[in-house]
């Protein structure tokens, strides 16, 4: 990759961000397309988020991805939102167009693509349990509801935050049964026990940590586990699924799906087929 005075910059803002595979896969796609741009990871703490977002405009960047913990908090610093991002209430992609910063959300697209490619899973008429109630959970809930899920259960340590999501989305998706429960044993067992699919939307497992109660063991024999976390090592939740013979996948497939959709928004052309996937493979 050659960098010159004309090379454009796109990046990712997060805290942490050093583990991200986005620079590797996005730069491979840029090189394959012959686009004079570079994708860089920026470690942005909460106190620096406003300045980092404004820097997109000031420095003439093409845009940026936004990851934890900024997907919801970034919204006030943007000029406007795409209708999908506005409905979700979270942003993972910023596009800079003629001085205007526009927020998009490609996480839901990435999730549905990953579920289809890795499990051949169609959410229609299925029961899904989401661990967490942050920006990623918001995108997952909307994508699953749009795809026809029959029931979506949110499990979160702070149950009030999950209840807020239920209140926000109940009117948007009247045909979907949406529930919120606390992440305690007596509420986890009946929720996970009926799930066709369990999704971890939190960062638990990123550094080898685990939830302090059993989750995977409550899945029915036909259940599936999707972990948005991806690391060089297999996370404790993924290890638990492997021990029990539960089919599972980490977040690389979703990363590719959302990344390809973001690439198309930034550069007005589709991402090269298979390049990102090849560059995030274990």
C-alpha atoms as a PDB file:
ATOM      1  CA  UNK A   1       0.000   0.000   0.000  1.00  0.00           C
ATOM      2  CA  UNK A   2       1.423   3.351  -1.077  1.00  0.00           C
ATOM      3  CA  UNK A   3       0.501   6.441   0.943  1.00  0.00           C
ATOM      4  CA  UNK A   4       0.836   9.881  -0.588  1.00  0.00           C
ATOM      5  CA  UNK A   5      -0.302  13.431   0.071  1.00  0.00           C
ATOM      6  CA  UNK A   6      -3.568  12.580  -1.681  1.00  0.00           C
ATOM      7  CA  UNK A   7      -4.363   9.423   0.304  1.00  0.00           C
ATOM      8  CA  UNK A   8      -7.734   9.629   2.063  1.00  0.00           C
ATOM      9  CA  UNK A   9      -8.305   8.336   5.586  1.00  0.00           C
ATOM     10  CA  UNK A  10     -11.102   6.254   7.068  1.00  0.00           C
ATOM     11  CA  UNK A  11     -10.948   4.612  10.467  1.00  0.00           C
ATOM     12  CA  UNK A  12     -12.535   3.106  13.520  1.00  0.00           C
ATOM     13  CA  UNK A  13     -13.153   4.772  16.907  1.00  0.00           C
ATOM     14  CA  UNK A  14     -13.336   2.520  19.964  1.00  0.00           C
ATOM     15  CA  UNK A  15     -12.203   1.839  23.516  1.00  0.00           C
ATOM     16  CA  UNK A  16     -10.643  -0.718  23.373  1.00  0.00           C
ATOM     17  CA  UNK A  17      -9.777  -0.953  19.681  1.00  0.00           C
ATOM     18  CA  UNK A  18      -6.373  -2.649  19.482  1.00  0.00           C
ATOM     19  CA  UNK A  19      -7.961  -6.075  18.967  1.00  0.00           C
ATOM     20  CA  UNK A  20      -9.984  -4.952  15.934  1.00  0.00           C
ATOM     21  CA  UNK A  21      -9.574  -6.827  12.656  1.00  0.00           C
ATOM     22  CA  UNK A  22     -11.274  -4.029  10.725  1.00  0.00           C
ATOM     23  CA  UNK A  23      -8.009  -2.358   9.617  1.00  0.00           C
ATOM     24  CA  UNK A  24      -6.683  -5.616   8.202  1.00  0.00           C
ATOM     25  CA  UNK A  25      -9.806  -6.485   6.209  1.00  0.00           C
ATOM     26  CA  UNK A  26     -10.681  -2.943   5.101  1.00  0.00           C
ATOM     27  CA  UNK A  27      -7.138  -2.174   3.900  1.00  0.00           C
ATOM     28  CA  UNK A  28      -7.089  -5.459   1.969  1.00  0.00           C
ATOM     29  CA  UNK A  29     -10.353  -4.441   0.279  1.00  0.00           C
ATOM     30  CA  UNK A  30      -9.039  -0.950  -0.512  1.00  0.00           C
ATOM     31  CA  UNK A  31      -5.905  -2.409  -2.058  1.00  0.00           C
ATOM     32  CA  UNK A  32      -7.889  -4.921  -4.107  1.00  0.00           C
ATOM     33  CA  UNK A  33     -10.016  -2.091  -5.516  1.00  0.00           C
ATOM     34  CA  UNK A  34      -7.093   0.221  -6.159  1.00  0.00           C
ATOM     35  CA  UNK A  35      -8.587   2.953  -3.955  1.00  0.00           C
ATOM     36  CA  UNK A  36      -6.113   5.553  -2.664  1.00  0.00           C
ATOM     37  CA  UNK A  37      -7.208   5.413   0.964  1.00  0.00           C
ATOM     38  CA  UNK A  38      -6.042   3.908   4.260  1.00  0.00           C
ATOM     39  CA  UNK A  39      -8.086   2.541   7.185  1.00  0.00           C
ATOM     40  CA  UNK A  40      -6.684   3.239  10.673  1.00  0.00           C
ATOM     41  CA  UNK A  41      -7.723   2.258  14.204  1.00  0.00           C
ATOM     42  CA  UNK A  42      -8.045   5.188  16.649  1.00  0.00           C
ATOM     43  CA  UNK A  43      -8.205   4.568  20.397  1.00  0.00           C
ATOM     44  CA  UNK A  44     -10.873   7.064  21.460  1.00  0.00           C
ATOM     45  CA  UNK A  45     -11.996   7.241  25.076  1.00  0.00           C
ATOM     46  CA  UNK A  46     -15.435   8.600  26.029  1.00  0.00           C
ATOM     47  CA  UNK A  47     -13.993  11.995  26.980  1.00  0.00           C
ATOM     48  CA  UNK A  48     -12.462  12.384  23.485  1.00  0.00           C
ATOM     49  CA  UNK A  49     -15.421  11.218  21.405  1.00  0.00           C
ATOM     50  CA  UNK A  50     -16.757  14.662  20.456  1.00  0.00           C
ATOM     51  CA  UNK A  51     -13.318  15.854  19.320  1.00  0.00           C
ATOM     52  CA  UNK A  52     -12.693  12.639  17.376  1.00  0.00           C
ATOM     53  CA  UNK A  53     -15.988  12.930  15.506  1.00  0.00           C
ATOM     54  CA  UNK A  54     -15.341  16.578  14.648  1.00  0.00           C
ATOM     55  CA  UNK A  55     -11.885  15.572  13.391  1.00  0.00           C
ATOM     56  CA  UNK A  56     -13.582  13.593  10.606  1.00  0.00           C
ATOM     57  CA  UNK A  57     -14.832  16.877   9.231  1.00  0.00           C
ATOM     58  CA  UNK A  58     -11.739  18.935  10.090  1.00  0.00           C
ATOM     59  CA  UNK A  59      -9.266  16.474   8.543  1.00  0.00           C
ATOM     60  CA  UNK A  60     -11.397  15.651   5.542  1.00  0.00           C
ATOM     61  CA  UNK A  61     -11.702  11.973   6.433  1.00  0.00           C
ATOM     62  CA  UNK A  62     -14.037   9.792   4.374  1.00  0.00           C
ATOM     63  CA  UNK A  63     -15.709   8.553   7.528  1.00  0.00           C
ATOM     64  CA  UNK A  64     -15.313   6.072  10.358  1.00  0.00           C
ATOM     65  CA  UNK A  65     -16.661   2.983  12.013  1.00  0.00           C
ATOM     66  CA  UNK A  66     -17.793   3.343  15.623  1.00  0.00           C
ATOM     67  CA  UNK A  67     -17.521   0.472  18.073  1.00  0.00           C
ATOM     68  CA  UNK A  68     -17.958  -0.038  21.829  1.00  0.00           C
ATOM     69  CA  UNK A  69     -18.657   1.947  23.904  1.00  0.00           C
ATOM     70  CA  UNK A  70     -19.648   4.751  21.523  1.00  0.00           C
ATOM     71  CA  UNK A  71     -22.468   3.455  19.308  1.00  0.00           C
ATOM     72  CA  UNK A  72     -25.209   5.292  21.187  1.00  0.00           C
ATOM     73  CA  UNK A  73     -23.218   8.203  22.610  1.00  0.00           C
ATOM     74  CA  UNK A  74     -21.924   9.296  19.195  1.00  0.00           C
ATOM     75  CA  UNK A  75     -25.372  10.323  17.938  1.00  0.00           C
ATOM     76  CA  UNK A  76     -25.480  13.897  19.345  1.00  0.00           C
ATOM     77  CA  UNK A  77     -22.262  14.757  17.497  1.00  0.00           C
ATOM     78  CA  UNK A  78     -23.622  13.868  14.054  1.00  0.00           C
ATOM     79  CA  UNK A  79     -25.540  16.127  11.658  1.00  0.00           C
ATOM     80  CA  UNK A  80     -28.207  13.561  10.839  1.00  0.00           C
ATOM     81  CA  UNK A  81     -29.008   9.853  10.881  1.00  0.00           C
ATOM     82  CA  UNK A  82     -30.035   7.399   8.212  1.00  0.00           C
ATOM     83  CA  UNK A  83     -33.623   6.208   8.933  1.00  0.00           C
ATOM     84  CA  UNK A  84     -32.436   2.742   9.960  1.00  0.00           C
ATOM     85  CA  UNK A  85     -29.866   4.134  12.437  1.00  0.00           C
ATOM     86  CA  UNK A  86     -32.466   6.539  13.792  1.00  0.00           C
ATOM     87  CA  UNK A  87     -34.914   3.705  14.430  1.00  0.00           C
ATOM     88  CA  UNK A  88     -32.229   1.546  16.054  1.00  0.00           C
ATOM     89  CA  UNK A  89     -30.869   4.376  18.179  1.00  0.00           C
ATOM     90  CA  UNK A  90     -27.246   3.421  17.552  1.00  0.00           C
ATOM     91  CA  UNK A  91     -24.586   4.124  14.923  1.00  0.00           C
ATOM     92  CA  UNK A  92     -21.644   2.013  13.789  1.00  0.00           C
ATOM     93  CA  UNK A  93     -20.724   3.870  10.575  1.00  0.00           C
ATOM     94  CA  UNK A  94     -20.178   7.575   9.914  1.00  0.00           C
ATOM     95  CA  UNK A  95     -20.052   8.908   6.350  1.00  0.00           C
ATOM     96  CA  UNK A  96     -18.614  12.348   5.599  1.00  0.00           C
ATOM     97  CA  UNK A  97     -20.376  13.920   2.621  1.00  0.00           C
ATOM     98  CA  UNK A  98     -19.625  17.528   1.650  1.00  0.00           C
ATOM     99  CA  UNK A  99     -19.039  18.633   5.219  1.00  0.00           C
ATOM    100  CA  UNK A 100     -21.996  16.722   6.656  1.00  0.00           C
ATOM    101  CA  UNK A 101     -21.553  13.794   9.056  1.00  0.00           C
ATOM    102  CA  UNK A 102     -24.238  11.132   8.559  1.00  0.00           C
ATOM    103  CA  UNK A 103     -24.749   8.168  10.884  1.00  0.00           C
ATOM    104  CA  UNK A 104     -25.639   4.695   9.626  1.00  0.00           C
ATOM    105  CA  UNK A 105     -26.000   1.282  11.213  1.00  0.00           C
ATOM    106  CA  UNK A 106     -24.795  -1.774   9.287  1.00  0.00           C
ATOM    107  CA  UNK A 107     -24.591  -4.119  12.303  1.00  0.00           C
ATOM    108  CA  UNK A 108     -28.021  -5.659  11.697  1.00  0.00           C
ATOM    109  CA  UNK A 109     -27.207  -6.381   8.055  1.00  0.00           C
ATOM    110  CA  UNK A 110     -23.950  -7.999   9.164  1.00  0.00           C
ATOM    111  CA  UNK A 111     -25.700 -10.149  11.772  1.00  0.00           C
ATOM    112  CA  UNK A 112     -28.340 -11.532   9.420  1.00  0.00           C
ATOM    113  CA  UNK A 113     -25.716 -12.287   6.761  1.00  0.00           C
ATOM    114  CA  UNK A 114     -23.571 -14.098   9.335  1.00  0.00           C
ATOM    115  CA  UNK A 115     -26.470 -16.185  10.685  1.00  0.00           C
ATOM    116  CA  UNK A 116     -27.375 -17.244   7.176  1.00  0.00           C
ATOM    117  CA  UNK A 117     -23.834 -18.026   6.023  1.00  0.00           C
ATOM    118  CA  UNK A 118     -22.673 -19.755   9.210  1.00  0.00           C
ATOM    119  CA  UNK A 119     -25.819 -21.535  10.410  1.00  0.00           C
ATOM    120  CA  UNK A 120     -28.253 -21.324   7.465  1.00  0.00           C
ATOM    121  CA  UNK A 121     -30.466 -19.749  10.134  1.00  0.00           C
ATOM    122  CA  UNK A 122     -33.644 -17.903   9.195  1.00  0.00           C
ATOM    123  CA  UNK A 123     -35.031 -15.882  12.144  1.00  0.00           C
ATOM    124  CA  UNK A 124     -38.634 -16.104  10.864  1.00  0.00           C
ATOM    125  CA  UNK A 125     -40.938 -17.534  13.558  1.00  0.00           C
ATOM    126  CA  UNK A 126     -37.939 -18.260  15.827  1.00  0.00           C
ATOM    127  CA  UNK A 127     -37.274 -17.431  19.487  1.00  0.00           C
ATOM    128  CA  UNK A 128     -34.044 -15.529  20.119  1.00  0.00           C
ATOM    129  CA  UNK A 129     -32.355 -14.505  23.377  1.00  0.00           C
ATOM    130  CA  UNK A 130     -30.003 -11.506  23.405  1.00  0.00           C
ATOM    131  CA  UNK A 131     -27.413 -11.037  26.134  1.00  0.00           C
ATOM    132  CA  UNK A 132     -26.996  -7.296  26.689  1.00  0.00           C
ATOM    133  CA  UNK A 133     -28.969  -4.143  25.994  1.00  0.00           C
ATOM    134  CA  UNK A 134     -26.465  -1.764  24.375  1.00  0.00           C
ATOM    135  CA  UNK A 135     -26.033  -0.496  20.820  1.00  0.00           C
ATOM    136  CA  UNK A 136     -25.275  -3.923  19.373  1.00  0.00           C
ATOM    137  CA  UNK A 137     -28.369  -5.384  21.048  1.00  0.00           C
ATOM    138  CA  UNK A 138     -30.491  -2.594  19.572  1.00  0.00           C
ATOM    139  CA  UNK A 139     -29.258  -3.373  16.053  1.00  0.00           C
ATOM    140  CA  UNK A 140     -29.728  -7.109  16.564  1.00  0.00           C
ATOM    141  CA  UNK A 141     -33.258  -6.688  17.908  1.00  0.00           C
ATOM    142  CA  UNK A 142     -34.341  -4.583  14.932  1.00  0.00           C
ATOM    143  CA  UNK A 143     -32.728  -6.891  12.380  1.00  0.00           C
ATOM    144  CA  UNK A 144     -34.251 -10.017  13.929  1.00  0.00           C
ATOM    145  CA  UNK A 145     -37.684  -8.403  14.231  1.00  0.00           C
ATOM    146  CA  UNK A 146     -37.532  -7.228  10.610  1.00  0.00           C
ATOM    147  CA  UNK A 147     -36.652 -10.800   9.632  1.00  0.00           C
ATOM    148  CA  UNK A 148     -39.810 -12.113  11.296  1.00  0.00           C
ATOM    149  CA  UNK A 149     -38.636 -13.432  14.672  1.00  0.00           C
ATOM    150  CA  UNK A 150     -41.580 -14.541  16.810  1.00  0.00           C
ATOM    151  CA  UNK A 151     -40.064 -13.733  20.194  1.00  0.00           C
ATOM    152  CA  UNK A 152     -36.989 -11.797  21.375  1.00  0.00           C
ATOM    153  CA  UNK A 153     -35.869 -11.890  25.005  1.00  0.00           C
ATOM    154  CA  UNK A 154     -33.314  -9.417  26.374  1.00  0.00           C
ATOM    155  CA  UNK A 155     -31.198 -10.503  29.356  1.00  0.00           C
ATOM    156  CA  UNK A 156     -29.192  -7.762  31.029  1.00  0.00           C
ATOM    157  CA  UNK A 157     -27.542  -7.161  34.388  1.00  0.00           C
ATOM    158  CA  UNK A 158     -29.312  -3.799  34.585  1.00  0.00           C
ATOM    159  CA  UNK A 159     -32.811  -4.938  33.760  1.00  0.00           C
ATOM    160  CA  UNK A 160     -34.106  -1.363  33.561  1.00  0.00           C
ATOM    161  CA  UNK A 161     -31.994  -0.750  30.455  1.00  0.00           C
ATOM    162  CA  UNK A 162     -33.450  -3.844  28.789  1.00  0.00           C
ATOM    163  CA  UNK A 163     -36.951  -2.747  29.795  1.00  0.00           C
ATOM    164  CA  UNK A 164     -36.306   0.616  28.122  1.00  0.00           C
ATOM    165  CA  UNK A 165     -35.550  -1.208  24.863  1.00  0.00           C
ATOM    166  CA  UNK A 166     -38.767  -3.189  25.151  1.00  0.00           C
ATOM    167  CA  UNK A 167     -40.700   0.038  25.668  1.00  0.00           C
ATOM    168  CA  UNK A 168     -38.938   1.658  22.706  1.00  0.00           C
ATOM    169  CA  UNK A 169     -39.521  -1.161  20.244  1.00  0.00           C
ATOM    170  CA  UNK A 170     -42.851  -2.708  21.293  1.00  0.00           C
ATOM    171  CA  UNK A 171     -44.841  -0.284  19.125  1.00  0.00           C
ATOM    172  CA  UNK A 172     -42.392  -0.544  16.220  1.00  0.00           C
ATOM    173  CA  UNK A 173     -42.738  -4.333  16.109  1.00  0.00           C
ATOM    174  CA  UNK A 174     -46.254  -5.144  17.382  1.00  0.00           C
ATOM    175  CA  UNK A 175     -46.201  -8.663  15.920  1.00  0.00           C
ATOM    176  CA  UNK A 176     -43.043  -9.631  17.822  1.00  0.00           C
ATOM    177  CA  UNK A 177     -43.164 -10.650  21.475  1.00  0.00           C
ATOM    178  CA  UNK A 178     -40.346  -8.733  23.198  1.00  0.00           C
ATOM    179  CA  UNK A 179     -39.425  -9.326  26.847  1.00  0.00           C
ATOM    180  CA  UNK A 180     -36.773  -8.070  29.271  1.00  0.00           C
ATOM    181  CA  UNK A 181     -35.358 -10.067  32.171  1.00  0.00           C
ATOM    182  CA  UNK A 182     -32.561  -9.725  34.684  1.00  0.00           C
ATOM    183  CA  UNK A 183     -29.393 -11.766  34.224  1.00  0.00           C
ATOM    184  CA  UNK A 184     -30.023 -14.011  37.230  1.00  0.00           C
ATOM    185  CA  UNK A 185     -30.346 -17.787  37.310  1.00  0.00           C
ATOM    186  CA  UNK A 186     -34.086 -17.991  37.957  1.00  0.00           C
ATOM    187  CA  UNK A 187     -34.822 -15.785  34.925  1.00  0.00           C
ATOM    188  CA  UNK A 188     -32.062 -17.073  32.642  1.00  0.00           C
ATOM    189  CA  UNK A 189     -33.077 -20.752  32.762  1.00  0.00           C
ATOM    190  CA  UNK A 190     -36.628 -20.422  31.364  1.00  0.00           C
ATOM    191  CA  UNK A 191     -35.554 -17.789  28.834  1.00  0.00           C
ATOM    192  CA  UNK A 192     -32.549 -19.619  27.368  1.00  0.00           C
ATOM    193  CA  UNK A 193     -34.301 -22.973  27.662  1.00  0.00           C
ATOM    194  CA  UNK A 194     -36.809 -21.995  24.948  1.00  0.00           C
ATOM    195  CA  UNK A 195     -34.336 -20.309  22.591  1.00  0.00           C
ATOM    196  CA  UNK A 196     -33.639 -21.368  19.029  1.00  0.00           C
ATOM    197  CA  UNK A 197     -30.682 -18.970  19.116  1.00  0.00           C
ATOM    198  CA  UNK A 198     -28.661 -17.291  21.883  1.00  0.00           C
ATOM    199  CA  UNK A 199     -26.645 -14.201  20.926  1.00  0.00           C
ATOM    200  CA  UNK A 200     -24.016 -12.505  23.058  1.00  0.00           C
ATOM    201  CA  UNK A 201     -24.131  -8.800  22.111  1.00  0.00           C
ATOM    202  CA  UNK A 202     -21.834  -7.733  24.989  1.00  0.00           C
ATOM    203  CA  UNK A 203     -18.022  -7.568  25.184  1.00  0.00           C
ATOM    204  CA  UNK A 204     -17.905 -10.318  27.820  1.00  0.00           C
ATOM    205  CA  UNK A 205     -15.249 -12.775  26.654  1.00  0.00           C
ATOM    206  CA  UNK A 206     -13.100 -10.227  24.830  1.00  0.00           C
ATOM    207  CA  UNK A 207     -10.383 -10.540  27.479  1.00  0.00           C
ATOM    208  CA  UNK A 208     -11.150 -14.112  28.539  1.00  0.00           C
ATOM    209  CA  UNK A 209     -13.801 -13.218  31.116  1.00  0.00           C
ATOM    210  CA  UNK A 210     -17.113 -15.042  31.488  1.00  0.00           C
ATOM    211  CA  UNK A 211     -20.583 -14.454  32.900  1.00  0.00           C
ATOM    212  CA  UNK A 212     -20.909 -15.542  36.519  1.00  0.00           C
ATOM    213  CA  UNK A 213     -23.778 -17.954  35.829  1.00  0.00           C
ATOM    214  CA  UNK A 214     -24.523 -20.817  33.450  1.00  0.00           C
ATOM    215  CA  UNK A 215     -25.920 -19.831  30.047  1.00  0.00           C
ATOM    216  CA  UNK A 216     -24.969 -22.241  27.260  1.00  0.00           C
ATOM    217  CA  UNK A 217     -25.938 -25.286  29.331  1.00  0.00           C
ATOM    218  CA  UNK A 218     -29.575 -24.143  29.375  1.00  0.00           C
ATOM    219  CA  UNK A 219     -29.930 -24.142  25.583  1.00  0.00           C
ATOM    220  CA  UNK A 220     -32.043 -26.936  24.103  1.00  0.00           C
ATOM    221  CA  UNK A 221     -30.252 -29.587  22.025  1.00  0.00           C
ATOM    222  CA  UNK A 222     -31.352 -27.856  18.828  1.00  0.00           C
ATOM    223  CA  UNK A 223     -30.139 -24.435  20.020  1.00  0.00           C
ATOM    224  CA  UNK A 224     -27.434 -22.319  18.399  1.00  0.00           C
ATOM    225  CA  UNK A 225     -24.991 -19.829  19.916  1.00  0.00           C
ATOM    226  CA  UNK A 226     -23.676 -16.716  18.163  1.00  0.00           C
ATOM    227  CA  UNK A 227     -21.008 -14.653  19.921  1.00  0.00           C
ATOM    228  CA  UNK A 228     -20.396 -11.125  18.612  1.00  0.00           C
ATOM    229  CA  UNK A 229     -17.037 -11.269  20.403  1.00  0.00           C
ATOM    230  CA  UNK A 230     -14.048 -12.420  18.380  1.00  0.00           C
ATOM    231  CA  UNK A 231     -10.524 -12.928  19.731  1.00  0.00           C
ATOM    232  CA  UNK A 232      -7.399 -14.855  18.832  1.00  0.00           C
ATOM    233  CA  UNK A 233      -8.453 -17.414  21.446  1.00  0.00           C
ATOM    234  CA  UNK A 234     -11.776 -19.205  21.882  1.00  0.00           C
ATOM    235  CA  UNK A 235     -13.848 -17.340  24.487  1.00  0.00           C
ATOM    236  CA  UNK A 236     -15.214 -19.110  27.586  1.00  0.00           C
ATOM    237  CA  UNK A 237     -18.769 -19.027  26.183  1.00  0.00           C
ATOM    238  CA  UNK A 238     -17.567 -20.557  22.921  1.00  0.00           C
ATOM    239  CA  UNK A 239     -15.627 -23.210  24.856  1.00  0.00           C
ATOM    240  CA  UNK A 240     -18.794 -24.049  26.780  1.00  0.00           C
ATOM    241  CA  UNK A 241     -20.728 -24.457  23.525  1.00  0.00           C
ATOM    242  CA  UNK A 242     -18.008 -26.696  22.081  1.00  0.00           C
ATOM    243  CA  UNK A 243     -18.016 -28.949  25.163  1.00  0.00           C
ATOM    244  CA  UNK A 244     -21.782 -29.397  24.904  1.00  0.00           C
ATOM    245  CA  UNK A 245     -21.876 -29.941  21.140  1.00  0.00           C
ATOM    246  CA  UNK A 246     -23.820 -26.708  20.580  1.00  0.00           C
ATOM    247  CA  UNK A 247     -23.120 -25.218  17.118  1.00  0.00           C
ATOM    248  CA  UNK A 248     -21.514 -21.786  17.595  1.00  0.00           C
ATOM    249  CA  UNK A 249     -19.819 -18.991  15.688  1.00  0.00           C
ATOM    250  CA  UNK A 250     -17.837 -15.947  16.746  1.00  0.00           C
ATOM    251  CA  UNK A 251     -18.296 -12.390  15.499  1.00  0.00           C
ATOM    252  CA  UNK A 252     -16.002 -12.517  12.452  1.00  0.00           C
ATOM    253  CA  UNK A 253     -18.819 -13.244  10.031  1.00  0.00           C
ATOM    254  CA  UNK A 254     -20.814 -10.310  11.354  1.00  0.00           C
ATOM    255  CA  UNK A 255     -17.705  -8.128  11.224  1.00  0.00           C
ATOM    256  CA  UNK A 256     -17.305  -8.936   7.534  1.00  0.00           C
ATOM    257  CA  UNK A 257     -20.971  -8.340   6.746  1.00  0.00           C
ATOM    258  CA  UNK A 258     -21.157  -4.958   8.454  1.00  0.00           C
ATOM    259  CA  UNK A 259     -17.748  -4.004   7.062  1.00  0.00           C
ATOM    260  CA  UNK A 260     -18.746  -4.740   3.484  1.00  0.00           C
ATOM    261  CA  UNK A 261     -21.898  -2.667   3.912  1.00  0.00           C
ATOM    262  CA  UNK A 262     -19.887   0.235   5.398  1.00  0.00           C
ATOM    263  CA  UNK A 263     -17.346   0.035   2.537  1.00  0.00           C
ATOM    264  CA  UNK A 264     -20.170   0.459   0.019  1.00  0.00           C
ATOM    265  CA  UNK A 265     -21.425   3.543   1.877  1.00  0.00           C
ATOM    266  CA  UNK A 266     -17.987   5.186   1.971  1.00  0.00           C
ATOM    267  CA  UNK A 267     -16.837   4.453  -1.566  1.00  0.00           C
ATOM    268  CA  UNK A 268     -20.096   4.124  -3.544  1.00  0.00           C
ATOM    269  CA  UNK A 269     -19.108   0.685  -4.818  1.00  0.00           C
ATOM    270  CA  UNK A 270     -19.459  -2.855  -3.461  1.00  0.00           C
ATOM    271  CA  UNK A 271     -16.644  -4.395  -1.465  1.00  0.00           C
ATOM    272  CA  UNK A 272     -14.620  -6.972  -3.417  1.00  0.00           C
ATOM    273  CA  UNK A 273     -16.128 -10.432  -2.939  1.00  0.00           C
ATOM    274  CA  UNK A 274     -14.349 -12.640  -0.410  1.00  0.00           C
ATOM    275  CA  UNK A 275     -11.460 -10.294   0.388  1.00  0.00           C
ATOM    276  CA  UNK A 276     -12.598  -9.226   3.855  1.00  0.00           C
ATOM    277  CA  UNK A 277     -13.637 -12.739   4.804  1.00  0.00           C
ATOM    278  CA  UNK A 278     -10.241 -14.110   3.759  1.00  0.00           C
ATOM    279  CA  UNK A 279      -8.431 -11.517   5.863  1.00  0.00           C
ATOM    280  CA  UNK A 280     -10.267 -12.198   9.131  1.00  0.00           C
ATOM    281  CA  UNK A 281     -10.160 -16.000   8.956  1.00  0.00           C
ATOM    282  CA  UNK A 282      -8.486 -17.652  11.933  1.00  0.00           C
END
